[in-house]
C-alpha cells in the first residue's frame, strides 16, 4: 500500500486508469516489473538516465538484488550456470536495465554489447 501511494501518486494513477495514455502506463509498468530503480525520478518528476547512473555508482549491488525478484533469480541462475562452465547471453530491450545488471554482475567476467559499443 505504501508503494502504491508513493512516487507522487504515479502508481495509483496507473493502476486506477487515470493515466492519459495506456501505452505510457504499460511502459511504466514494464519498467517497474524490470526493477524499481527504473522508475526513479528527479526533483521535477522526470525519469532520468543520469539520475539512475549516479545512483548505481553509490548503491550497494546487494541492495539492487534485494529490490527485485527478477534480478535475484537472474543472479542465482548466472552463478549456477557459470559454476557448471556455461556461457550465458542476457538480452534486455532496456539499456538502463543492462546498467543495473552490469552493476550487480561486476565481480563476474562479462562482455556488454549495446548501441554504444564501439566497433573494433
Foldseek 3Di string as FASTA:
>chain_A
DVVCCPLVNVNVCLVVVVDPDVVVSVVLVVQVLLFVLQCDADPVSHRDLVVLLVVLVPDDLVVRCVRHVVSVVVVVVVVVCVVVPHDDDDDDPDVSSVVSSCSNCVVPDDDDDDPPDDDD
